[in-house]
N, C-alpha and C. Protein backbone atom coordinates (compact mmCIF):
# COMPACT_ATOMS: atom_id res chain seq x y z
N UNK A 1 -38.88 -21.57 44.45
CA UNK A 1 -38.11 -20.25 43.72
C UNK A 1 -38.58 -20.40 42.37
N UNK A 2 -38.43 -21.33 41.69
CA UNK A 2 -39.18 -21.49 40.08
C UNK A 2 -40.09 -21.33 39.73
N UNK A 3 -40.93 -21.84 41.09
CA UNK A 3 -42.79 -21.83 40.79
C UNK A 3 -42.96 -20.31 40.57
N UNK A 4 -42.22 -19.75 41.85
CA UNK A 4 -42.92 -17.92 42.09
C UNK A 4 -42.47 -17.41 40.59
N UNK A 5 -41.55 -17.53 39.94
CA UNK A 5 -40.40 -16.96 38.94
C UNK A 5 -41.47 -17.17 37.88
N UNK A 6 -42.13 -18.60 37.68
CA UNK A 6 -42.65 -18.76 36.18
C UNK A 6 -44.24 -17.98 36.85
N UNK A 7 -44.56 -18.22 37.94
CA UNK A 7 -46.11 -18.07 38.07
C UNK A 7 -46.27 -16.55 37.90
N UNK A 8 -44.76 -15.58 38.19
CA UNK A 8 -45.18 -14.31 37.99
C UNK A 8 -44.73 -13.79 36.87
N UNK A 9 -44.59 -14.40 35.95
CA UNK A 9 -43.60 -13.73 34.48
C UNK A 9 -42.61 -12.94 35.11
N UNK A 10 -41.76 -13.67 36.22
CA UNK A 10 -40.56 -13.07 36.06
C UNK A 10 -39.73 -13.07 34.89
N UNK A 11 -38.85 -11.03 34.62
CA UNK A 11 -38.07 -11.32 33.19
C UNK A 11 -36.61 -11.23 33.81
N UNK A 12 -36.32 -10.71 34.87
CA UNK A 12 -35.08 -10.53 35.17
C UNK A 12 -34.17 -11.27 36.11
N UNK A 13 -32.77 -11.61 35.90
CA UNK A 13 -32.27 -12.57 37.00
C UNK A 13 -32.88 -12.56 38.38
N UNK A 14 -33.10 -13.31 38.73
CA UNK A 14 -33.21 -13.68 40.22
C UNK A 14 -32.03 -14.23 40.67
N UNK A 15 -31.39 -14.09 41.78
CA UNK A 15 -30.41 -15.48 42.70
C UNK A 15 -30.92 -15.84 43.87
N UNK A 16 -31.06 -16.86 43.95
CA UNK A 16 -31.03 -17.77 45.38
C UNK A 16 -29.86 -17.84 45.77
N UNK A 17 -29.78 -16.95 46.75
CA UNK A 17 -28.51 -16.71 47.72
C UNK A 17 -28.86 -17.47 49.45
N UNK A 18 -29.21 -18.92 49.14
CA UNK A 18 -29.07 -19.83 50.30
C UNK A 18 -27.92 -20.28 50.58
N UNK A 19 -26.89 -19.57 50.41
CA UNK A 19 -25.44 -19.87 50.97
C UNK A 19 -25.02 -18.34 51.53
N UNK A 20 -25.82 -17.52 51.51
CA UNK A 20 -25.40 -16.09 51.39
C UNK A 20 -24.51 -15.28 50.97
N UNK A 21 -23.93 -15.66 49.71
CA UNK A 21 -22.66 -15.22 49.47
C UNK A 21 -22.99 -13.99 48.70
N UNK A 22 -23.86 -13.82 47.65
CA UNK A 22 -24.50 -12.43 47.24
C UNK A 22 -24.00 -11.59 48.70
N UNK A 23 -25.27 -12.21 49.72
CA UNK A 23 -25.12 -11.08 50.77
C UNK A 23 -23.57 -10.57 51.53
N UNK A 24 -22.86 -11.71 51.32
CA UNK A 24 -21.46 -10.97 52.40
C UNK A 24 -20.80 -10.14 51.20
N UNK A 25 -20.54 -11.07 50.46
CA UNK A 25 -19.72 -10.26 49.15
C UNK A 25 -20.12 -8.90 48.91
N UNK A 26 -21.62 -8.61 48.99
CA UNK A 26 -21.88 -7.27 48.47
C UNK A 26 -22.32 -6.74 49.94
N UNK A 27 -21.74 -6.77 50.80
CA UNK A 27 -22.18 -6.17 52.07
C UNK A 27 -23.80 -5.77 52.50
N UNK A 28 -24.35 -6.65 52.34
CA UNK A 28 -26.16 -6.51 52.10
C UNK A 28 -26.11 -6.85 54.04
N UNK A 29 -27.31 -5.98 54.21
CA UNK A 29 -27.60 -5.69 56.09
C UNK A 29 -28.93 -5.55 56.00
N UNK A 30 -29.75 -5.52 54.89
CA UNK A 30 -31.63 -5.71 54.85
C UNK A 30 -31.94 -6.78 53.88
N UNK A 31 -32.91 -6.83 54.32
CA UNK A 31 -33.80 -7.33 52.96
C UNK A 31 -35.27 -6.79 52.75
N UNK A 32 -35.76 -6.79 52.01
CA UNK A 32 -34.90 -7.49 50.87
C UNK A 32 -33.78 -6.13 50.39
N UNK A 33 -32.91 -6.50 49.05
CA UNK A 33 -32.44 -5.52 48.52
C UNK A 33 -32.47 -6.00 47.56
N UNK A 34 -32.05 -4.62 46.15
CA UNK A 34 -31.96 -4.76 45.22
C UNK A 34 -31.19 -3.87 44.43
N UNK A 35 -30.43 -5.52 43.92
CA UNK A 35 -28.75 -4.18 42.94
C UNK A 35 -28.91 -4.55 41.90
N UNK A 36 -28.57 -3.22 41.33
CA UNK A 36 -28.92 -3.22 39.80
C UNK A 36 -27.41 -3.18 39.14
N UNK A 37 -26.87 -3.95 38.23
CA UNK A 37 -25.46 -3.97 37.70
C UNK A 37 -25.52 -3.57 36.32
N UNK A 38 -24.50 -3.14 36.31
CA UNK A 38 -24.01 -2.60 35.02
C UNK A 38 -23.82 -3.21 33.74
N UNK A 39 -23.65 -3.69 32.54
CA UNK A 39 -23.38 -4.68 31.37
C UNK A 39 -21.96 -5.31 31.68
N UNK A 40 -21.17 -4.42 32.62
CA UNK A 40 -20.03 -5.39 33.07
C UNK A 40 -20.44 -6.37 34.49
N UNK A 41 -21.35 -5.94 34.75
CA UNK A 41 -21.15 -6.88 36.07
C UNK A 41 -21.06 -6.40 37.32
N UNK A 42 -20.91 -5.22 37.23
CA UNK A 42 -20.59 -3.95 38.18
C UNK A 42 -21.46 -3.35 39.06
N UNK A 43 -21.91 -3.36 40.30
CA UNK A 43 -23.39 -2.67 40.84
C UNK A 43 -23.31 -1.24 40.63
N UNK A 44 -24.17 -0.96 40.11
CA UNK A 44 -24.29 0.67 40.26
C UNK A 44 -25.28 1.32 40.69
N UNK A 45 -26.55 0.50 41.50
CA UNK A 45 -27.21 0.71 42.41
C UNK A 45 -27.43 -0.35 43.18
N UNK A 46 -27.89 0.03 44.70
CA UNK A 46 -28.14 -0.97 45.55
C UNK A 46 -29.32 -0.27 46.34
N UNK A 47 -30.02 -0.79 46.75
CA UNK A 47 -31.34 -0.33 47.06
C UNK A 47 -31.84 -1.72 48.48
N UNK A 48 -32.14 -1.10 49.55
CA UNK A 48 -32.56 -1.86 50.36
C UNK A 48 -33.74 -1.91 50.81
N UNK A 49 -34.69 -2.80 51.68
CA UNK A 49 -35.86 -2.72 52.00
C UNK A 49 -36.78 -2.06 50.96
N UNK A 50 -38.31 -1.46 51.60
CA UNK A 50 -39.51 -1.85 49.91
C UNK A 50 -39.22 -0.06 50.31
N UNK A 51 -40.26 0.10 48.94
CA UNK A 51 -40.69 1.18 48.36
C UNK A 51 -39.98 2.46 47.85
N UNK A 52 -38.95 1.36 46.76
CA UNK A 52 -38.13 2.52 45.97
C UNK A 52 -38.68 2.37 44.71
N UNK A 53 -39.82 2.42 44.16
CA UNK A 53 -40.20 2.62 42.72
C UNK A 53 -39.61 3.77 41.89
N UNK A 54 -39.91 5.21 42.75
CA UNK A 54 -39.97 6.22 42.06
C UNK A 54 -38.22 5.93 41.41
N UNK A 55 -37.44 5.87 42.55
CA UNK A 55 -36.10 5.95 42.00
C UNK A 55 -35.43 5.04 41.36
N UNK A 56 -35.81 4.16 41.70
CA UNK A 56 -35.76 2.62 40.25
C UNK A 56 -36.10 3.19 39.33
N UNK A 57 -37.38 3.95 38.99
CA UNK A 57 -37.92 4.24 37.90
C UNK A 57 -37.03 4.88 37.21
N UNK A 58 -36.76 6.19 37.83
CA UNK A 58 -35.62 7.33 37.21
C UNK A 58 -34.38 6.58 36.45
N UNK A 59 -33.87 6.02 37.97
CA UNK A 59 -32.40 5.10 37.51
C UNK A 59 -31.88 4.75 36.69
N UNK A 60 -33.28 3.58 36.31
CA UNK A 60 -33.17 2.74 35.24
C UNK A 60 -33.88 3.28 33.59
N UNK A 61 -34.33 4.93 33.85
CA UNK A 61 -34.75 5.80 32.59
C UNK A 61 -33.12 6.66 32.21
N UNK A 62 -32.52 6.58 33.48
CA UNK A 62 -31.21 7.68 33.00
C UNK A 62 -30.37 6.61 32.44
N UNK A 63 -30.14 5.27 32.87
CA UNK A 63 -29.10 4.10 33.10
C UNK A 63 -29.71 3.95 31.32
N UNK A 64 -30.73 3.94 31.34
CA UNK A 64 -30.74 3.19 29.48
C UNK A 64 -30.53 4.13 28.76
N UNK A 65 -30.54 5.63 28.74
CA UNK A 65 -30.55 6.42 27.98
C UNK A 65 -28.92 6.17 27.92
N UNK A 66 -28.46 6.31 29.44
CA UNK A 66 -27.03 6.63 29.08
C UNK A 66 -26.04 4.73 28.48
N UNK A 67 -26.86 3.86 28.79
CA UNK A 67 -26.18 2.75 28.39
C UNK A 67 -26.46 2.73 26.56
N UNK A 68 -27.70 2.80 26.50
CA UNK A 68 -27.80 2.50 25.15
C UNK A 68 -26.81 3.02 24.15
N UNK A 69 -26.52 4.54 24.59
CA UNK A 69 -25.59 5.80 23.48
C UNK A 69 -23.95 5.24 24.01
N UNK A 70 -23.63 4.29 24.68
CA UNK A 70 -22.40 4.67 25.32
C UNK A 70 -21.77 3.23 25.14
N UNK A 71 -22.49 2.03 24.87
CA UNK A 71 -22.42 1.06 24.77
C UNK A 71 -22.50 0.44 23.31
N UNK A 72 -21.85 -1.04 23.11
CA UNK A 72 -22.34 -1.44 22.19
C UNK A 72 -23.11 -2.22 22.39
N UNK A 73 -24.09 -2.76 21.73
CA UNK A 73 -25.62 -3.44 21.46
C UNK A 73 -26.01 -4.74 21.76
N UNK A 74 -24.40 -5.42 21.95
CA UNK A 74 -24.54 -6.72 22.13
C UNK A 74 -24.71 -7.15 23.88
N UNK A 75 -25.41 -8.04 23.58
CA UNK A 75 -25.08 -8.30 25.21
C UNK A 75 -23.66 -8.53 26.07
N UNK A 76 -23.82 -8.05 27.30
CA UNK A 76 -22.43 -8.95 27.97
C UNK A 76 -22.49 -9.49 28.84
N UNK A 77 -23.39 -9.66 29.53
CA UNK A 77 -23.82 -10.90 30.44
C UNK A 77 -25.25 -11.66 29.94
N UNK A 78 -24.49 -13.12 29.64
CA UNK A 78 -25.98 -13.94 29.11
C UNK A 78 -26.73 -14.02 30.13
N UNK A 79 -28.12 -14.27 29.86
CA UNK A 79 -29.00 -14.28 30.55
C UNK A 79 -30.09 -15.24 29.84
N UNK A 80 -30.43 -16.49 31.08
CA UNK A 80 -31.30 -17.51 30.67
C UNK A 80 -32.22 -17.14 31.60
N UNK A 81 -33.50 -17.30 30.60
CA UNK A 81 -34.52 -16.78 31.37
C UNK A 81 -35.10 -18.19 31.76
N UNK A 82 -35.61 -18.25 33.54
CA UNK A 82 -36.04 -19.52 33.98
C UNK A 82 -36.97 -20.52 32.83
N UNK A 83 -37.59 -19.50 32.34
CA UNK A 83 -38.75 -20.38 31.34
C UNK A 83 -38.26 -21.05 30.50
N UNK A 84 -37.44 -20.45 29.78
CA UNK A 84 -36.48 -21.17 28.90
C UNK A 84 -35.38 -22.62 29.17
N UNK A 85 -35.36 -22.86 30.41
CA UNK A 85 -34.28 -23.59 31.22
C UNK A 85 -35.14 -25.13 31.32
N UNK A 86 -34.16 -25.47 30.88
CA UNK A 86 -34.69 -26.77 30.95
C UNK A 86 -34.09 -27.63 31.96
N UNK A 87 -35.50 -28.04 33.38
CA UNK A 87 -35.10 -28.85 34.25
C UNK A 87 -35.71 -29.85 34.39
N UNK A 88 -34.97 -31.34 34.75
CA UNK A 88 -36.14 -32.38 35.14
C UNK A 88 -36.94 -32.27 36.48
N UNK A 89 -37.61 -32.88 36.51
CA UNK A 89 -38.61 -32.80 37.32
C UNK A 89 -38.02 -33.00 38.90
N UNK A 90 -37.07 -33.98 39.20
CA UNK A 90 -36.37 -34.39 40.38
C UNK A 90 -35.46 -33.17 40.61
N UNK A 91 -34.79 -32.57 39.87
CA UNK A 91 -33.89 -30.95 40.17
C UNK A 91 -34.80 -29.83 40.03
N UNK A 92 -36.14 -29.76 39.97
CA UNK A 92 -36.95 -28.95 40.25
C UNK A 92 -36.90 -27.79 40.90
N UNK A 93 -36.91 -28.24 42.10
CA UNK A 93 -36.40 -27.65 43.28
C UNK A 93 -35.68 -27.10 43.84
N UNK A 94 -34.12 -27.49 43.52
CA UNK A 94 -32.70 -27.30 43.31
C UNK A 94 -31.89 -26.95 42.17
N UNK A 95 -32.96 -25.79 41.54
CA UNK A 95 -31.97 -25.10 40.42
C UNK A 95 -31.82 -23.90 41.48
N UNK A 96 -30.41 -23.62 41.06
CA UNK A 96 -29.92 -21.89 41.35
C UNK A 96 -29.29 -21.53 40.60
N UNK A 97 -29.35 -19.70 40.64
CA UNK A 97 -28.42 -19.12 39.68
C UNK A 97 -27.62 -18.78 39.94
N UNK A 98 -26.18 -19.18 39.51
CA UNK A 98 -25.18 -18.33 40.04
C UNK A 98 -24.44 -16.93 39.37
N UNK A 99 -23.94 -16.55 40.73
CA UNK A 99 -23.54 -15.31 40.56
C UNK A 99 -22.60 -15.23 39.17
N UNK A 100 -22.61 -13.89 38.54
CA UNK A 100 -21.57 -13.49 37.18
C UNK A 100 -20.54 -13.61 38.05
N UNK A 101 -19.19 -14.29 36.99
CA UNK A 101 -17.93 -14.32 37.56
C UNK A 101 -17.54 -12.83 38.14
N UNK A 102 -17.77 -12.11 37.18
CA UNK A 102 -17.27 -10.72 37.61
C UNK A 102 -17.33 -10.19 38.64
N UNK A 103 -18.17 -10.40 39.24
CA UNK A 103 -19.11 -9.95 40.97
C UNK A 103 -17.85 -9.96 41.42
N UNK A 104 -18.32 -8.83 42.62
CA UNK A 104 -17.38 -8.48 43.36
C UNK A 104 -17.30 -9.88 44.33
N UNK A 105 -16.22 -10.04 44.34
CA UNK A 105 -15.43 -11.30 45.65
C UNK A 105 -15.31 -11.15 46.72
């Protein structure tokens, strides 16, 4: 997974949910699923399947204006991009991103 994230220059958080914790906790029923969280870690948009570019573009444009105007400017959920993560070669394929503690359980 790490190789794909780096190859495609992915800049958003990616969860390797090999134990299906997010899948079950957020009651996912289809793959792929895309979940947008607000700055506090609460899901505000969940899309299932493919082909939602227009919906996602519109939602993100409105959300960006709302959150830019109504929230402070500091990051509330720290994000460490994979390209900045230090991983030893022996652990390269075992890197997992953890779900934020405030996520629904």
